[in-house]
Amino acid sequence: MDLQLRPVSMVEGQSVPGLPLISVIDDDESLRVALTGLVRSLGYEARAFASAEDFLGTFMAGAVSCVISDIQMPGMSGIDMLNHLAARNIDLPVIAISGRPDPTLEQKALAAGAVCFLRKPFEADALICCLEKALTKQD
């Protein structure tokens, strides 16, 4: 599957200059809404996507500061998305999350370029630490 990255305008109005934009990708709507709310409560701008394809279809290089992505999703997986970004030389910090008990998923996600891996369910503090690590990587 070869997706083209193309710029689009922000869906919820203009982005706030200097405010990091965190994209949340998860096929589970309740988790996607909860993570987006948590990210916004931390003072970041957040956009939610139901799939990696949706995210890549609206991706704007330089606008996104970090991605929080589920690994196991219908269609393109989070690891496939990481590989897709790497193949296009896009260095974007990604926090990988998964509810699967497969012990090799963490190794696969980190090898594909994820800056952090969290196993569901995880504490908000663990996500905050990963966000700080990911956003520090951007500096």
N, C-alpha and C. Protein backbone atom coordinates (compact mmCIF):
# COMPACT_ATOMS: atom_id res chain seq x y z
N MET A 1 0.84 -1.16 0.00
CA MET A 1 0.00 0.00 0.00
C MET A 1 0.90 1.24 0.00
N ASP A 2 0.74 2.09 -0.98
CA ASP A 2 1.57 3.28 -1.09
C ASP A 2 0.71 4.51 -0.90
N LEU A 3 0.78 5.11 0.27
CA LEU A 3 0.00 6.31 0.56
C LEU A 3 0.85 7.53 0.29
N GLN A 4 0.24 8.54 -0.24
CA GLN A 4 0.93 9.80 -0.48
C GLN A 4 0.66 10.74 0.69
N LEU A 5 1.69 11.37 1.19
CA LEU A 5 1.53 12.35 2.25
C LEU A 5 1.22 13.68 1.59
N ARG A 6 0.14 14.33 2.04
CA ARG A 6 -0.22 15.61 1.44
C ARG A 6 -0.66 16.57 2.53
N PRO A 7 -0.34 17.83 2.39
CA PRO A 7 -0.73 18.80 3.41
C PRO A 7 -2.22 19.11 3.34
N VAL A 8 -2.80 19.39 4.51
CA VAL A 8 -4.19 19.84 4.58
C VAL A 8 -4.27 20.90 5.67
N SER A 9 -5.35 21.65 5.68
CA SER A 9 -5.53 22.64 6.74
C SER A 9 -6.01 21.93 8.00
N MET A 10 -5.85 22.60 9.13
CA MET A 10 -6.27 22.02 10.40
C MET A 10 -7.79 21.89 10.42
N VAL A 11 -8.29 20.78 10.93
CA VAL A 11 -9.72 20.52 10.97
C VAL A 11 -10.43 21.40 11.98
N GLU A 12 -9.83 21.62 13.16
CA GLU A 12 -10.48 22.38 14.21
C GLU A 12 -9.97 23.82 14.24
N GLY A 13 -9.94 24.45 13.11
CA GLY A 13 -9.49 25.84 13.05
C GLY A 13 -7.98 25.94 12.94
N GLN A 14 -7.48 27.10 13.22
CA GLN A 14 -6.05 27.35 13.10
C GLN A 14 -5.31 26.72 14.27
N SER A 15 -4.11 26.19 13.98
CA SER A 15 -3.30 25.68 15.06
C SER A 15 -2.71 26.85 15.83
N VAL A 16 -2.41 26.61 17.09
CA VAL A 16 -1.84 27.64 17.94
C VAL A 16 -0.33 27.64 17.73
N PRO A 17 0.25 28.79 17.31
CA PRO A 17 1.69 28.83 17.08
C PRO A 17 2.46 28.45 18.35
N GLY A 18 3.44 27.57 18.19
CA GLY A 18 4.29 27.16 19.30
C GLY A 18 3.71 26.06 20.17
N LEU A 19 2.44 25.74 20.03
CA LEU A 19 1.82 24.70 20.83
C LEU A 19 2.01 23.35 20.13
N PRO A 20 2.69 22.39 20.77
CA PRO A 20 2.92 21.11 20.11
C PRO A 20 1.61 20.42 19.72
N LEU A 21 1.58 19.87 18.53
CA LEU A 21 0.43 19.11 18.04
C LEU A 21 0.74 17.63 18.19
N ILE A 22 -0.09 16.94 18.95
CA ILE A 22 0.05 15.51 19.17
C ILE A 22 -1.08 14.82 18.41
N SER A 23 -0.71 13.87 17.55
CA SER A 23 -1.72 13.09 16.82
C SER A 23 -1.92 11.76 17.55
N VAL A 24 -3.17 11.40 17.79
CA VAL A 24 -3.52 10.16 18.46
C VAL A 24 -4.19 9.25 17.44
N ILE A 25 -3.62 8.06 17.24
CA ILE A 25 -4.15 7.12 16.27
C ILE A 25 -4.51 5.83 16.99
N ASP A 26 -5.79 5.50 16.99
CA ASP A 26 -6.25 4.25 17.61
C ASP A 26 -7.61 3.91 17.02
N ASP A 27 -7.82 2.64 16.70
CA ASP A 27 -9.10 2.22 16.15
C ASP A 27 -10.18 2.08 17.23
N ASP A 28 -9.79 2.05 18.49
CA ASP A 28 -10.74 1.98 19.60
C ASP A 28 -11.18 3.41 19.95
N GLU A 29 -12.42 3.74 19.61
CA GLU A 29 -12.89 5.11 19.77
C GLU A 29 -12.81 5.59 21.21
N SER A 30 -13.19 4.75 22.17
CA SER A 30 -13.18 5.20 23.56
C SER A 30 -11.77 5.54 24.03
N LEU A 31 -10.79 4.74 23.65
CA LEU A 31 -9.41 5.03 24.03
C LEU A 31 -8.89 6.26 23.29
N ARG A 32 -9.25 6.37 22.02
CA ARG A 32 -8.83 7.53 21.21
C ARG A 32 -9.34 8.83 21.84
N VAL A 33 -10.60 8.84 22.25
CA VAL A 33 -11.20 10.02 22.87
C VAL A 33 -10.52 10.30 24.22
N ALA A 34 -10.29 9.26 25.00
CA ALA A 34 -9.66 9.44 26.32
C ALA A 34 -8.23 9.97 26.17
N LEU A 35 -7.46 9.41 25.25
CA LEU A 35 -6.08 9.87 25.06
C LEU A 35 -6.04 11.30 24.54
N THR A 36 -6.93 11.63 23.63
CA THR A 36 -6.99 12.99 23.09
C THR A 36 -7.32 13.98 24.21
N GLY A 37 -8.27 13.61 25.06
CA GLY A 37 -8.62 14.46 26.19
C GLY A 37 -7.46 14.63 27.17
N LEU A 38 -6.73 13.55 27.44
CA LEU A 38 -5.58 13.63 28.33
C LEU A 38 -4.51 14.55 27.75
N VAL A 39 -4.22 14.39 26.47
CA VAL A 39 -3.21 15.21 25.81
C VAL A 39 -3.60 16.69 25.88
N ARG A 40 -4.86 16.98 25.62
CA ARG A 40 -5.33 18.38 25.68
C ARG A 40 -5.27 18.92 27.11
N SER A 41 -5.56 18.06 28.10
CA SER A 41 -5.51 18.50 29.49
C SER A 41 -4.08 18.85 29.93
N LEU A 42 -3.10 18.32 29.21
CA LEU A 42 -1.70 18.62 29.50
C LEU A 42 -1.23 19.90 28.82
N GLY A 43 -2.14 20.53 28.05
CA GLY A 43 -1.82 21.81 27.43
C GLY A 43 -1.33 21.71 26.00
N TYR A 44 -1.47 20.53 25.40
CA TYR A 44 -1.06 20.34 24.00
C TYR A 44 -2.29 20.40 23.09
N GLU A 45 -2.04 20.67 21.84
CA GLU A 45 -3.09 20.54 20.83
C GLU A 45 -3.13 19.07 20.43
N ALA A 46 -4.30 18.53 20.17
CA ALA A 46 -4.42 17.10 19.82
C ALA A 46 -5.41 16.91 18.68
N ARG A 47 -5.07 15.96 17.82
CA ARG A 47 -5.99 15.55 16.75
C ARG A 47 -6.08 14.04 16.79
N ALA A 48 -7.26 13.50 16.59
CA ALA A 48 -7.49 12.07 16.69
C ALA A 48 -7.77 11.47 15.31
N PHE A 49 -7.27 10.26 15.13
CA PHE A 49 -7.45 9.53 13.87
C PHE A 49 -7.81 8.08 14.19
N ALA A 50 -8.74 7.52 13.41
CA ALA A 50 -9.18 6.13 13.63
C ALA A 50 -8.25 5.12 12.97
N SER A 51 -7.34 5.58 12.11
CA SER A 51 -6.44 4.65 11.44
C SER A 51 -5.16 5.36 11.01
N ALA A 52 -4.13 4.56 10.76
CA ALA A 52 -2.87 5.10 10.26
C ALA A 52 -3.08 5.73 8.88
N GLU A 53 -3.95 5.12 8.09
CA GLU A 53 -4.23 5.66 6.76
C GLU A 53 -4.85 7.05 6.85
N ASP A 54 -5.79 7.24 7.80
CA ASP A 54 -6.40 8.57 7.98
C ASP A 54 -5.34 9.60 8.37
N PHE A 55 -4.46 9.22 9.29
CA PHE A 55 -3.40 10.13 9.71
C PHE A 55 -2.49 10.49 8.54
N LEU A 56 -2.01 9.49 7.82
CA LEU A 56 -1.08 9.74 6.71
C LEU A 56 -1.74 10.53 5.59
N GLY A 57 -3.04 10.37 5.42
CA GLY A 57 -3.76 11.11 4.39
C GLY A 57 -3.89 12.59 4.69
N THR A 58 -3.69 12.97 5.95
CA THR A 58 -3.79 14.38 6.32
C THR A 58 -2.49 14.91 6.91
N PHE A 59 -1.44 14.11 6.87
CA PHE A 59 -0.17 14.47 7.51
C PHE A 59 0.43 15.74 6.90
N MET A 60 0.86 16.63 7.78
CA MET A 60 1.49 17.86 7.36
C MET A 60 2.88 17.92 8.00
N ALA A 61 3.91 17.71 7.22
CA ALA A 61 5.28 17.71 7.74
C ALA A 61 5.56 19.02 8.47
N GLY A 62 6.14 18.92 9.64
CA GLY A 62 6.47 20.09 10.42
C GLY A 62 5.36 20.55 11.34
N ALA A 63 4.12 20.13 11.09
CA ALA A 63 3.01 20.55 11.93
C ALA A 63 2.82 19.63 13.13
N VAL A 64 3.10 18.35 12.94
CA VAL A 64 2.91 17.35 14.00
C VAL A 64 4.19 17.23 14.80
N SER A 65 4.07 17.32 16.13
CA SER A 65 5.23 17.23 17.01
C SER A 65 5.48 15.81 17.49
N CYS A 66 4.41 15.02 17.60
CA CYS A 66 4.52 13.66 18.13
C CYS A 66 3.26 12.88 17.75
N VAL A 67 3.41 11.56 17.68
CA VAL A 67 2.28 10.68 17.39
C VAL A 67 2.19 9.63 18.50
N ILE A 68 0.97 9.39 18.96
CA ILE A 68 0.69 8.27 19.85
C ILE A 68 -0.13 7.31 19.01
N SER A 69 0.40 6.11 18.77
CA SER A 69 -0.28 5.20 17.85
C SER A 69 -0.39 3.78 18.40
N ASP A 70 -1.58 3.23 18.25
CA ASP A 70 -1.78 1.81 18.53
C ASP A 70 -0.95 1.02 17.52
N ILE A 71 -0.51 -0.15 17.92
CA ILE A 71 0.26 -1.02 17.03
C ILE A 71 -0.67 -1.89 16.19
N GLN A 72 -1.65 -2.51 16.84
CA GLN A 72 -2.54 -3.44 16.16
C GLN A 72 -3.83 -2.74 15.77
N MET A 73 -3.98 -2.50 14.46
CA MET A 73 -5.19 -1.87 13.93
C MET A 73 -5.55 -2.55 12.62
N PRO A 74 -6.82 -2.52 12.26
CA PRO A 74 -7.18 -3.02 10.93
C PRO A 74 -6.48 -2.17 9.87
N GLY A 75 -6.12 -2.78 8.77
CA GLY A 75 -5.41 -2.04 7.72
C GLY A 75 -3.95 -1.91 8.09
N MET A 76 -3.42 -0.70 7.96
CA MET A 76 -2.01 -0.45 8.24
C MET A 76 -1.77 -0.47 9.75
N SER A 77 -0.80 -1.26 10.19
CA SER A 77 -0.47 -1.31 11.61
C SER A 77 0.40 -0.11 11.99
N GLY A 78 0.57 0.10 13.29
CA GLY A 78 1.43 1.16 13.75
C GLY A 78 2.88 0.96 13.31
N ILE A 79 3.32 -0.28 13.28
CA ILE A 79 4.70 -0.58 12.83
C ILE A 79 4.82 -0.31 11.34
N ASP A 80 3.80 -0.67 10.56
CA ASP A 80 3.82 -0.36 9.13
C ASP A 80 3.88 1.15 8.91
N MET A 81 3.16 1.91 9.75
CA MET A 81 3.18 3.36 9.62
C MET A 81 4.58 3.90 9.94
N LEU A 82 5.21 3.37 10.99
CA LEU A 82 6.58 3.78 11.31
C LEU A 82 7.52 3.51 10.13
N ASN A 83 7.39 2.35 9.53
CA ASN A 83 8.21 2.01 8.37
C ASN A 83 7.93 2.93 7.18
N HIS A 84 6.66 3.29 7.01
CA HIS A 84 6.26 4.19 5.93
C HIS A 84 6.91 5.56 6.12
N LEU A 85 6.88 6.07 7.34
CA LEU A 85 7.50 7.37 7.63
C LEU A 85 9.02 7.30 7.42
N ALA A 86 9.64 6.24 7.92
CA ALA A 86 11.10 6.08 7.79
C ALA A 86 11.51 6.00 6.33
N ALA A 87 10.73 5.31 5.50
CA ALA A 87 11.05 5.17 4.09
C ALA A 87 11.03 6.52 3.37
N ARG A 88 10.30 7.47 3.94
CA ARG A 88 10.22 8.82 3.36
C ARG A 88 11.10 9.82 4.11
N ASN A 89 12.01 9.28 4.95
CA ASN A 89 12.94 10.11 5.73
C ASN A 89 12.23 11.14 6.60
N ILE A 90 11.10 10.75 7.17
CA ILE A 90 10.35 11.61 8.07
C ILE A 90 10.66 11.17 9.49
N ASP A 91 11.39 12.01 10.21
CA ASP A 91 11.78 11.72 11.59
C ASP A 91 10.75 12.34 12.52
N LEU A 92 9.78 11.55 12.90
CA LEU A 92 8.67 12.01 13.72
C LEU A 92 8.60 11.10 14.94
N PRO A 93 8.69 11.65 16.16
CA PRO A 93 8.63 10.78 17.33
C PRO A 93 7.26 10.11 17.47
N VAL A 94 7.29 8.79 17.65
CA VAL A 94 6.06 8.01 17.77
C VAL A 94 6.12 7.23 19.08
N ILE A 95 5.04 7.34 19.83
CA ILE A 95 4.85 6.53 21.03
C ILE A 95 3.92 5.40 20.63
N ALA A 96 4.43 4.17 20.71
CA ALA A 96 3.65 3.00 20.31
C ALA A 96 2.92 2.44 21.53
N ILE A 97 1.66 2.07 21.34
CA ILE A 97 0.88 1.46 22.41
C ILE A 97 0.24 0.17 21.90
N SER A 98 0.07 -0.79 22.80
CA SER A 98 -0.55 -2.05 22.40
C SER A 98 -1.17 -2.74 23.60
N GLY A 99 -2.26 -3.41 23.35
CA GLY A 99 -2.90 -4.22 24.37
C GLY A 99 -2.59 -5.69 24.20
N ARG A 100 -1.85 -6.02 23.17
CA ARG A 100 -1.50 -7.43 22.91
C ARG A 100 -0.40 -7.89 23.86
N PRO A 101 -0.50 -9.12 24.33
CA PRO A 101 0.51 -9.64 25.25
C PRO A 101 1.80 -10.12 24.55
N ASP A 102 1.88 -10.02 23.25
CA ASP A 102 3.04 -10.48 22.49
C ASP A 102 4.31 -9.76 22.96
N PRO A 103 5.26 -10.51 23.55
CA PRO A 103 6.48 -9.87 24.08
C PRO A 103 7.40 -9.30 23.00
N THR A 104 7.22 -9.70 21.76
CA THR A 104 8.10 -9.19 20.69
C THR A 104 7.63 -7.85 20.12
N LEU A 105 6.40 -7.44 20.45
CA LEU A 105 5.88 -6.19 19.90
C LEU A 105 6.72 -4.99 20.31
N GLU A 106 7.14 -4.95 21.56
CA GLU A 106 7.95 -3.82 22.02
C GLU A 106 9.25 -3.75 21.22
N GLN A 107 9.91 -4.88 21.05
CA GLN A 107 11.16 -4.91 20.27
C GLN A 107 10.92 -4.46 18.83
N LYS A 108 9.84 -4.94 18.23
CA LYS A 108 9.53 -4.57 16.85
C LYS A 108 9.25 -3.07 16.73
N ALA A 109 8.48 -2.53 17.67
CA ALA A 109 8.13 -1.10 17.62
C ALA A 109 9.37 -0.23 17.80
N LEU A 110 10.21 -0.56 18.77
CA LEU A 110 11.42 0.22 19.00
C LEU A 110 12.40 0.09 17.84
N ALA A 111 12.50 -1.10 17.26
CA ALA A 111 13.37 -1.31 16.10
C ALA A 111 12.88 -0.51 14.90
N ALA A 112 11.56 -0.31 14.80
CA ALA A 112 10.99 0.45 13.68
C ALA A 112 11.11 1.96 13.90
N GLY A 113 11.54 2.37 15.10
CA GLY A 113 11.76 3.79 15.34
C GLY A 113 10.91 4.44 16.41
N ALA A 114 10.06 3.69 17.09
CA ALA A 114 9.26 4.27 18.17
C ALA A 114 10.19 4.76 19.28
N VAL A 115 9.87 5.91 19.87
CA VAL A 115 10.69 6.44 20.96
C VAL A 115 10.28 5.86 22.31
N CYS A 116 9.10 5.25 22.36
CA CYS A 116 8.59 4.72 23.61
C CYS A 116 7.53 3.66 23.29
N PHE A 117 7.37 2.70 24.18
CA PHE A 117 6.35 1.67 24.01
C PHE A 117 5.59 1.52 25.32
N LEU A 118 4.26 1.56 25.24
CA LEU A 118 3.41 1.39 26.40
C LEU A 118 2.44 0.24 26.15
N ARG A 119 2.30 -0.62 27.17
CA ARG A 119 1.35 -1.72 27.08
C ARG A 119 0.06 -1.32 27.79
N LYS A 120 -1.06 -1.45 27.08
CA LYS A 120 -2.38 -1.12 27.65
C LYS A 120 -2.75 -2.17 28.70
N PRO A 121 -3.39 -1.79 29.77
CA PRO A 121 -3.65 -0.41 30.19
C PRO A 121 -2.39 0.19 30.81
N PHE A 122 -2.22 1.49 30.65
CA PHE A 122 -1.06 2.16 31.22
C PHE A 122 -1.52 3.37 32.01
N GLU A 123 -0.68 3.79 32.91
CA GLU A 123 -0.97 4.95 33.75
C GLU A 123 -0.73 6.24 32.95
N ALA A 124 -1.48 7.27 33.29
CA ALA A 124 -1.31 8.57 32.63
C ALA A 124 0.12 9.07 32.81
N ASP A 125 0.71 8.83 33.99
CA ASP A 125 2.08 9.28 34.24
C ASP A 125 3.08 8.65 33.27
N ALA A 126 2.85 7.39 32.90
CA ALA A 126 3.74 6.72 31.95
C ALA A 126 3.67 7.40 30.59
N LEU A 127 2.46 7.77 30.17
CA LEU A 127 2.30 8.47 28.90
C LEU A 127 2.94 9.85 28.96
N ILE A 128 2.79 10.54 30.08
CA ILE A 128 3.39 11.87 30.23
C ILE A 128 4.91 11.77 30.10
N CYS A 129 5.51 10.77 30.74
CA CYS A 129 6.97 10.57 30.62
C CYS A 129 7.37 10.33 29.17
N CYS A 130 6.60 9.52 28.46
CA CYS A 130 6.90 9.24 27.05
C CYS A 130 6.74 10.50 26.21
N LEU A 131 5.70 11.29 26.47
CA LEU A 131 5.51 12.54 25.73
C LEU A 131 6.68 13.49 25.95
N GLU A 132 7.13 13.61 27.19
CA GLU A 132 8.27 14.47 27.48
C GLU A 132 9.52 13.99 26.73
N LYS A 133 9.73 12.69 26.72
CA LYS A 133 10.87 12.11 26.00
C LYS A 133 10.76 12.39 24.50
N ALA A 134 9.57 12.18 23.96
CA ALA A 134 9.35 12.38 22.52
C ALA A 134 9.53 13.84 22.12
N LEU A 135 8.97 14.74 22.92
CA LEU A 135 9.05 16.16 22.58
C LEU A 135 10.45 16.72 22.80
N THR A 136 11.19 16.18 23.74
CA THR A 136 12.58 16.57 23.96
C THR A 136 13.42 16.15 22.76
N LYS A 137 13.07 15.01 22.17
CA LYS A 137 13.79 14.52 20.98
C LYS A 137 13.69 15.53 19.83
N GLN A 138 12.58 16.27 19.79
CA GLN A 138 12.35 17.25 18.72
C GLN A 138 13.20 18.50 18.87
N ASP A 139 13.64 18.81 20.09
CA ASP A 139 14.40 20.06 20.33
C ASP A 139 15.76 20.04 19.69
